[in-house]
Protein backbone atom coordinates (compact mmCIF):
# COMPACT_ATOMS: atom_id res chain seq x y z
CA MET A 1 -45.91 12.45 41.35
CA GLU A 2 -43.35 9.69 41.11
CA ASP A 3 -40.49 10.11 38.74
CA GLU A 4 -40.97 8.06 35.57
CA PRO A 5 -38.19 5.56 34.83
CA LYS A 6 -35.59 6.98 32.53
CA SER A 7 -35.13 5.34 29.17
CA ASP A 8 -31.73 3.84 28.35
CA PHE A 9 -30.83 5.61 25.13
CA SER A 10 -27.91 4.39 23.05
CA CYS A 11 -26.21 5.65 19.92
CA PRO A 12 -27.67 4.03 16.79
CA VAL A 13 -24.31 4.10 15.01
CA PRO A 14 -22.87 0.55 15.06
CA LEU A 15 -19.57 0.17 16.82
CA PRO A 16 -16.95 -2.34 15.65
CA ALA A 17 -17.20 -5.73 17.35
CA ARG A 18 -14.26 -6.21 19.67
CA ASP A 19 -14.73 -9.93 20.26
CA LYS A 20 -14.19 -11.16 16.70
CA VAL A 21 -12.16 -10.39 13.62
CA LEU A 22 -13.97 -8.34 10.95
CA LEU A 23 -13.23 -7.99 7.29
CA GLY A 24 -12.28 -4.39 7.95
CA HIS A 25 -9.35 -5.56 10.11
CA GLY A 26 -7.54 -6.36 6.86
CA SER A 27 -8.31 -3.00 5.23
CA GLY A 28 -5.16 -1.12 6.09
CA GLY A 29 -7.34 1.46 7.90
CA LYS A 30 -8.25 2.14 11.52
CA LEU A 31 -9.26 -1.40 12.34
CA SER A 32 -5.99 -2.75 10.93
CA ALA A 33 -4.05 -0.30 13.09
CA GLU A 34 -6.05 -1.35 16.11
CA LEU A 35 -5.37 -5.05 15.45
CA LEU A 36 -1.66 -4.32 15.18
CA ARG A 37 -1.61 -2.15 18.28
CA GLU A 38 -3.65 -4.42 20.53
CA ILE A 39 -2.69 -7.94 19.39
CA PHE A 40 0.52 -8.16 17.43
CA LEU A 41 2.81 -5.45 18.76
CA PRO A 42 2.42 -6.42 22.44
CA ALA A 43 3.22 -10.03 21.51
CA PHE A 44 6.27 -9.38 19.34
CA GLN A 45 7.54 -5.98 20.39
CA ASN A 46 11.16 -5.23 19.46
CA PRO A 47 13.02 -2.21 18.14
CA ILE A 48 13.01 -3.44 14.52
CA LEU A 49 9.29 -4.19 14.49
CA ALA A 50 8.50 -0.95 16.28
CA ARG A 51 9.56 1.05 13.21
CA LEU A 52 6.37 -0.24 11.47
CA ASP A 53 7.84 0.14 8.02
CA ASP A 54 7.01 -1.98 4.99
CA GLN A 55 10.16 -4.03 5.63
CA ALA A 56 12.60 -4.83 8.45
CA ILE A 57 16.12 -3.50 8.04
CA VAL A 58 18.67 -5.72 9.80
CA SER A 59 22.44 -5.90 9.90
CA VAL A 60 24.18 -9.25 9.47
CA ASP A 61 27.98 -9.17 9.83
CA GLY A 62 27.98 -5.56 8.63
CA LEU A 63 25.68 -6.23 5.64
CA ARG A 64 22.41 -4.27 5.70
CA LEU A 65 19.49 -6.39 4.58
CA ALA A 66 15.84 -5.65 4.08
CA PHE A 67 13.39 -8.47 4.84
CA THR A 68 9.62 -8.48 4.22
CA THR A 69 6.68 -10.83 3.98
CA ASP A 70 3.23 -10.45 2.46
CA SER A 71 0.12 -12.48 1.64
CA PHE A 72 -2.02 -12.10 -1.46
CA VAL A 73 -5.70 -12.95 -1.42
CA VAL A 74 -6.96 -11.04 -4.39
CA SER A 75 -10.32 -11.90 -5.95
CA PRO A 76 -10.55 -12.52 -8.88
CA LEU A 77 -7.24 -14.23 -9.49
CA PHE A 78 -6.90 -12.67 -12.96
CA PHE A 79 -7.67 -9.04 -13.70
CA PRO A 80 -6.79 -6.39 -16.35
CA GLY A 81 -3.10 -5.63 -15.95
CA GLY A 82 -2.10 -8.65 -13.92
CA ASP A 83 -3.00 -11.60 -11.75
CA ILE A 84 -2.27 -12.96 -8.29
CA GLY A 85 1.12 -14.36 -9.43
CA SER A 86 2.60 -11.14 -10.83
CA LEU A 87 0.97 -9.18 -8.04
CA ALA A 88 2.76 -11.33 -5.43
CA VAL A 89 6.11 -10.52 -6.94
CA HIS A 90 5.43 -6.82 -7.46
CA GLY A 91 4.01 -6.32 -3.98
CA THR A 92 6.96 -8.00 -2.25
CA VAL A 93 9.58 -6.27 -4.38
CA ASN A 94 7.88 -2.91 -3.69
CA ASP A 95 7.94 -3.44 0.08
CA LEU A 96 11.71 -4.00 -0.21
CA ALA A 97 12.12 -1.01 -2.52
CA MET A 98 10.33 1.30 -0.04
CA GLY A 99 13.32 0.69 2.22
CA GLY A 100 15.69 1.60 -0.63
CA ALA A 101 16.67 -2.05 -1.06
CA GLN A 102 17.70 -3.87 -4.25
CA PRO A 103 15.65 -7.12 -4.23
CA LEU A 104 17.69 -10.35 -4.23
CA PHE A 105 15.56 -13.39 -3.39
CA LEU A 106 11.93 -14.35 -2.89
CA SER A 107 10.03 -17.23 -1.33
CA ALA A 108 6.55 -18.34 -2.47
CA ALA A 109 4.05 -20.40 -0.52
CA PHE A 110 0.82 -21.52 -2.15
CA ILE A 111 -2.35 -22.30 -0.18
CA ILE A 112 -4.59 -24.06 -2.68
CA GLU A 113 -8.25 -24.91 -2.33
CA GLU A 114 -9.20 -28.44 -3.34
CA GLY A 115 -10.81 -28.37 -6.78
CA LEU A 116 -8.71 -25.53 -8.27
CA PRO A 117 -8.18 -26.34 -11.98
CA MET A 118 -4.60 -27.34 -12.66
CA GLU A 119 -4.57 -25.03 -15.66
CA THR A 120 -5.33 -22.07 -13.37
CA LEU A 121 -2.44 -23.06 -11.11
CA ARG A 122 -0.10 -23.39 -14.10
CA ARG A 123 -1.05 -19.90 -15.35
CA VAL A 124 -0.46 -18.32 -11.96
CA VAL A 125 2.90 -20.08 -11.45
CA ALA A 126 4.03 -19.08 -14.99
CA SER A 127 3.06 -15.47 -14.33
CA LEU A 128 4.93 -15.39 -11.00
CA ARG A 129 7.98 -16.89 -12.66
CA GLU A 130 7.93 -14.33 -15.50
CA ALA A 131 7.46 -11.42 -13.08
CA ALA A 132 10.37 -12.59 -10.96
CA ALA A 133 12.56 -12.99 -13.98
CA SER A 134 11.74 -9.48 -15.22
CA VAL A 135 12.77 -8.09 -11.83
CA GLY A 136 15.93 -10.15 -11.75
CA VAL A 137 15.15 -12.09 -8.58
CA GLU A 138 14.95 -15.82 -7.95
CA VAL A 139 12.33 -17.77 -6.07
CA VAL A 140 14.63 -19.88 -3.89
CA THR A 141 12.29 -21.54 -1.45
CA GLY A 142 8.58 -22.10 -0.81
CA ASP A 143 5.78 -24.30 0.41
CA THR A 144 2.48 -25.81 -0.79
CA LYS A 145 -0.62 -26.59 1.23
CA VAL A 146 -4.02 -27.84 0.02
CA VAL A 147 -7.16 -27.14 2.08
CA GLU A 148 -10.57 -28.79 1.80
CA LYS A 149 -13.06 -27.41 -0.70
CA GLY A 150 -14.94 -24.53 0.97
CA SER A 151 -12.04 -23.77 3.37
CA GLY A 152 -10.34 -21.23 1.11
CA ASP A 153 -11.08 -19.16 -1.98
CA GLN A 154 -9.27 -20.92 -4.82
CA LEU A 155 -5.73 -19.74 -4.13
CA PHE A 156 -3.75 -17.62 -1.67
CA ILE A 157 -0.02 -16.83 -2.01
CA ASN A 158 2.39 -15.84 0.73
CA THR A 159 5.75 -14.41 -0.23
CA SER A 160 8.85 -13.21 1.60
CA GLY A 161 11.60 -11.08 0.09
CA LEU A 162 15.21 -10.33 0.87
CA GLY A 163 17.14 -7.36 -0.44
CA ARG A 164 20.35 -5.40 0.07
CA VAL A 165 20.21 -1.85 1.44
CA PRO A 166 22.86 0.65 0.25
CA GLU A 167 24.89 2.63 2.68
CA GLY A 168 23.43 6.03 3.59
CA VAL A 169 19.83 4.92 3.03
CA ASN A 170 17.71 5.19 6.19
CA PHE A 171 14.08 5.64 5.18
CA SER A 172 11.34 5.45 7.84
CA ALA A 173 7.87 6.78 8.45
CA ASP A 174 9.12 8.70 11.53
CA GLN A 175 11.60 10.84 9.54
CA ALA A 176 9.26 13.48 8.02
CA ARG A 177 10.09 17.04 8.97
CA PRO A 178 8.29 20.39 8.68
CA GLY A 179 8.91 21.91 5.26
CA ASP A 180 9.38 18.56 3.49
CA ARG A 181 7.53 17.95 0.26
CA VAL A 182 5.18 15.07 -0.56
CA LEU A 183 5.78 13.50 -4.00
CA LEU A 184 3.49 11.02 -5.73
CA SER A 185 4.73 8.95 -8.67
CA GLY A 186 1.49 8.90 -10.68
CA SER A 187 -2.26 8.49 -10.84
CA ILE A 188 -4.10 6.77 -8.01
CA GLY A 189 -6.94 4.26 -7.80
CA ASP A 190 -6.19 2.24 -10.96
CA HIS A 191 -5.65 -1.09 -9.23
CA GLY A 192 -8.64 -1.01 -6.93
CA ILE A 193 -11.07 0.04 -9.66
CA ALA A 194 -9.68 -2.57 -12.12
CA ILE A 195 -10.24 -5.29 -9.52
CA LEU A 196 -13.76 -4.04 -8.72
CA ALA A 197 -14.75 -3.82 -12.40
CA GLU A 198 -13.50 -7.35 -13.10
CA ARG A 199 -15.10 -8.78 -9.99
CA GLU A 200 -18.50 -7.21 -10.53
CA GLY A 201 -18.62 -7.38 -14.29
CA LEU A 202 -18.70 -3.60 -14.66
CA GLU A 203 -17.94 -2.03 -18.03
CA PHE A 204 -16.65 1.48 -18.48
CA GLU A 205 -16.27 3.47 -21.68
CA SER A 206 -12.52 3.27 -21.25
CA PRO A 207 -11.22 0.09 -19.56
CA VAL A 208 -9.35 0.51 -16.28
CA VAL A 209 -6.12 -1.47 -16.01
CA SER A 210 -4.23 -2.24 -12.78
CA ASP A 211 -1.01 -0.31 -12.24
CA SER A 212 0.73 -3.36 -10.75
CA ALA A 213 4.46 -2.92 -11.35
CA PRO A 214 7.83 -3.32 -9.58
CA LEU A 215 9.15 -0.01 -8.33
CA HIS A 216 12.75 -0.83 -7.41
CA THR A 217 14.23 0.78 -10.56
CA LEU A 218 12.26 3.96 -9.97
CA VAL A 219 13.59 4.11 -6.43
CA ALA A 220 17.14 3.49 -7.73
CA ALA A 221 16.76 6.49 -10.05
CA MET A 222 15.66 8.65 -7.12
CA LEU A 223 18.65 7.45 -5.06
CA GLU A 224 21.00 8.69 -7.81
CA VAL A 225 19.82 12.22 -6.91
CA THR A 226 20.10 11.91 -3.15
CA ARG A 227 20.14 9.34 -0.37
CA ASP A 228 20.15 11.32 2.86
CA SER A 229 17.43 13.82 1.82
CA ILE A 230 14.72 11.22 1.11
CA ARG A 231 13.00 10.80 4.45
CA CYS A 232 10.42 8.15 3.72
CA LEU A 233 8.97 6.05 0.87
CA ARG A 234 5.61 4.27 0.93
CA ASP A 235 3.59 2.37 -1.69
CA PRO A 236 -0.07 3.24 -1.02
CA THR A 237 -1.66 -0.23 -1.33
CA ARG A 238 -4.39 -1.17 1.11
CA GLY A 239 -6.17 1.95 2.34
CA GLY A 240 -4.73 3.97 -0.58
CA LEU A 241 -3.03 7.36 -0.44
CA SER A 242 -4.96 8.43 2.65
CA SER A 243 -3.87 5.59 4.90
CA ALA A 244 -0.22 5.84 3.84
CA LEU A 245 -0.03 9.57 4.52
CA ASN A 246 -1.94 9.29 7.81
CA GLU A 247 0.55 6.68 8.98
CA ILE A 248 3.48 8.95 8.12
CA ALA A 249 1.85 11.98 9.84
CA GLY A 250 1.18 9.87 12.94
CA ARG A 251 4.63 8.27 13.15
CA SER A 252 6.47 11.54 12.55
CA GLN A 253 4.03 13.60 14.59
CA VAL A 254 3.71 16.21 11.88
CA GLY A 255 0.79 17.71 9.93
CA ILE A 256 0.56 16.98 6.23
CA VAL A 257 -1.47 19.14 3.77
CA ILE A 258 -2.06 17.85 0.26
CA ASP A 259 -3.50 19.68 -2.75
CA GLU A 260 -6.45 17.93 -4.40
CA GLN A 261 -5.72 19.63 -7.72
CA ALA A 262 -2.19 18.23 -7.80
CA ILE A 263 -3.23 14.61 -7.29
CA PRO A 264 -3.41 12.78 -10.60
CA VAL A 265 -6.54 10.62 -11.05
CA ARG A 266 -7.43 9.20 -14.48
CA GLU A 267 -10.77 10.36 -15.77
CA GLU A 268 -12.12 6.80 -16.04
CA VAL A 269 -11.11 6.13 -12.42
CA LYS A 270 -12.62 9.43 -11.29
CA GLY A 271 -15.83 8.62 -13.16
CA ALA A 272 -16.05 5.14 -11.72
CA CYS A 273 -15.52 6.44 -8.18
CA GLU A 274 -18.23 9.09 -8.63
CA LEU A 275 -20.60 6.48 -9.99
CA LEU A 276 -19.94 4.02 -7.17
CA GLY A 277 -19.66 6.54 -4.32
CA LEU A 278 -15.96 5.85 -3.72
CA ASP A 279 -13.15 8.24 -2.83
CA PRO A 280 -9.95 7.72 -4.96
CA LEU A 281 -7.86 8.67 -1.90
CA TYR A 282 -8.84 5.38 -0.26
CA VAL A 283 -8.56 3.10 -3.30
CA ALA A 284 -5.59 0.73 -3.48
CA ASN A 285 -2.60 1.08 -5.84
CA GLU A 286 0.05 -1.51 -6.69
CA GLY A 287 2.52 0.48 -8.84
CA LYS A 288 2.74 3.90 -7.20
CA LEU A 289 4.90 5.38 -4.48
CA ILE A 290 4.84 8.32 -2.11
CA ALA A 291 8.12 10.05 -1.23
CA ILE A 292 8.69 12.53 1.59
CA VAL A 293 11.79 14.53 0.66
CA ALA A 294 13.65 17.59 1.88
CA PRO A 295 12.44 20.78 0.14
CA GLU A 296 15.85 21.63 -1.37
CA VAL A 297 15.91 18.37 -3.41
CA ALA A 298 12.19 18.07 -4.25
CA GLU A 299 12.45 19.42 -7.81
CA ALA A 300 15.51 17.32 -8.61
CA VAL A 301 13.91 14.10 -7.30
CA LEU A 302 10.72 14.95 -9.19
CA ALA A 303 12.70 15.34 -12.42
CA ALA A 304 14.38 11.99 -11.89
CA MET A 305 10.97 10.35 -11.30
CA ARG A 306 9.48 11.92 -14.44
CA ALA A 307 12.45 10.63 -16.48
CA HIS A 308 11.51 7.05 -15.49
CA PRO A 309 8.74 5.13 -17.25
CA LEU A 310 6.94 4.47 -13.94
CA GLY A 311 7.13 8.13 -12.81
CA ARG A 312 6.15 10.13 -15.87
CA GLU A 313 3.04 11.52 -14.14
CA ALA A 314 4.87 12.31 -10.85
CA GLN A 315 3.73 15.42 -8.95
CA ILE A 316 4.51 17.34 -5.81
CA ILE A 317 1.16 17.01 -4.06
CA GLY A 318 1.73 18.48 -0.59
CA THR A 319 3.86 19.83 2.24
CA VAL A 320 4.75 18.71 5.76
CA HIS A 321 3.96 21.14 8.60
CA ALA A 322 4.75 21.44 12.30
CA SER A 323 1.15 22.33 13.14
CA ASN A 324 -1.62 19.77 13.70
CA PRO A 325 0.71 16.81 14.37
CA GLY A 326 -0.75 13.50 13.24
CA VAL A 327 -3.37 15.14 10.97
CA LEU A 328 -3.72 14.81 7.19
CA ALA A 329 -5.67 17.63 5.50
CA MET A 330 -6.44 18.44 1.92
CA ARG A 331 -7.02 21.70 0.09
CA THR A 332 -9.95 20.99 -2.20
CA VAL A 333 -10.56 22.23 -5.71
CA LEU A 334 -13.24 24.51 -4.19
CA GLY A 335 -10.64 26.29 -2.09
CA THR A 336 -11.71 24.77 1.19
CA THR A 337 -9.68 22.52 3.49
CA ARG A 338 -10.99 19.20 4.83
CA LEU A 339 -9.52 16.53 7.07
CA VAL A 340 -8.66 13.21 5.40
CA ASP A 341 -8.95 10.49 8.03
CA MET A 342 -8.27 6.79 7.77
CA LEU A 343 -11.25 4.59 6.93
CA ALA A 344 -12.57 2.47 9.76
CA GLY A 345 -13.25 -0.42 7.33
CA ASP A 346 -12.57 -1.05 3.70
CA GLN A 347 -14.18 0.37 0.55
CA LEU A 348 -13.01 -2.53 -1.56
CA PRO A 349 -12.17 -5.84 0.16
CA ARG A 350 -9.92 -8.48 -1.41
CA ILE A 351 -7.91 -6.24 -3.70
CA CYS A 352 -4.37 -7.37 -2.90
């Protein structure tokens, strides 16, 4: 009896396309890391870029400067707690602040789709101006481009920021050490759920408002406690708390264990996530920070955070370990432990 031809079985789980850019490549998760690793780092590799922090720290004639750039493509343009204009300022200032820098100057480039109402543009520009003034920075340069109708989505904003870094401040994602504590400045998921609710017309019993805010004054309060015992700061924007902590665990080659019970999540955000099948750990934030600090200063830094308006809900949510390098795990409210990996794609596209 002749052997029957063997069937060619293949896994039914879809694999990411490698010949084209997907929406998930902008998620801040695994696909974003892959894009960075395979396309951008080989092209532009240098010691400053290799740090992969939220900003580049450079020295110019002995002056330490932080430099960052970001693009904002949020949809809708206006949402509870903010809009694309204020978000552009806060996001750029926060990237500088995560390096310990005091923000000095911003640029703003507007990519406008043909047909955008002038009144919409005026509202966004006014909001950006007001947000910059409240931070104490000036918008000193910029650019404007208009694309054909259908070639954009109303309005995109690109910003760059420049700030001054104090002596003794050397934060980076590769500085975490076993025994360090993980601090979180407040509740997570507010921004992402606020955007989703506005975009989809969802109504909750208690409205969810974006947490968009500039964090440089909170960081300054933390620096008054210590400079050399803060290892790393991150604002968990795209990809949320999970992506930020996974990046730190990977860069420092340490294990991180967080406590689910210690992580503040507003009841309305928790309810919305349960209803929509989302995990708050992966939902974006725009006014929160994570700090990895030495154990001996953790309580003092926490007290300084809680004394600040933007850190009143701050908590110690985890510990850094030598075991399981590169792995983020969470002790659940049920007493079990589960791995918290990066998302391959994005739960909520177009949120920042």
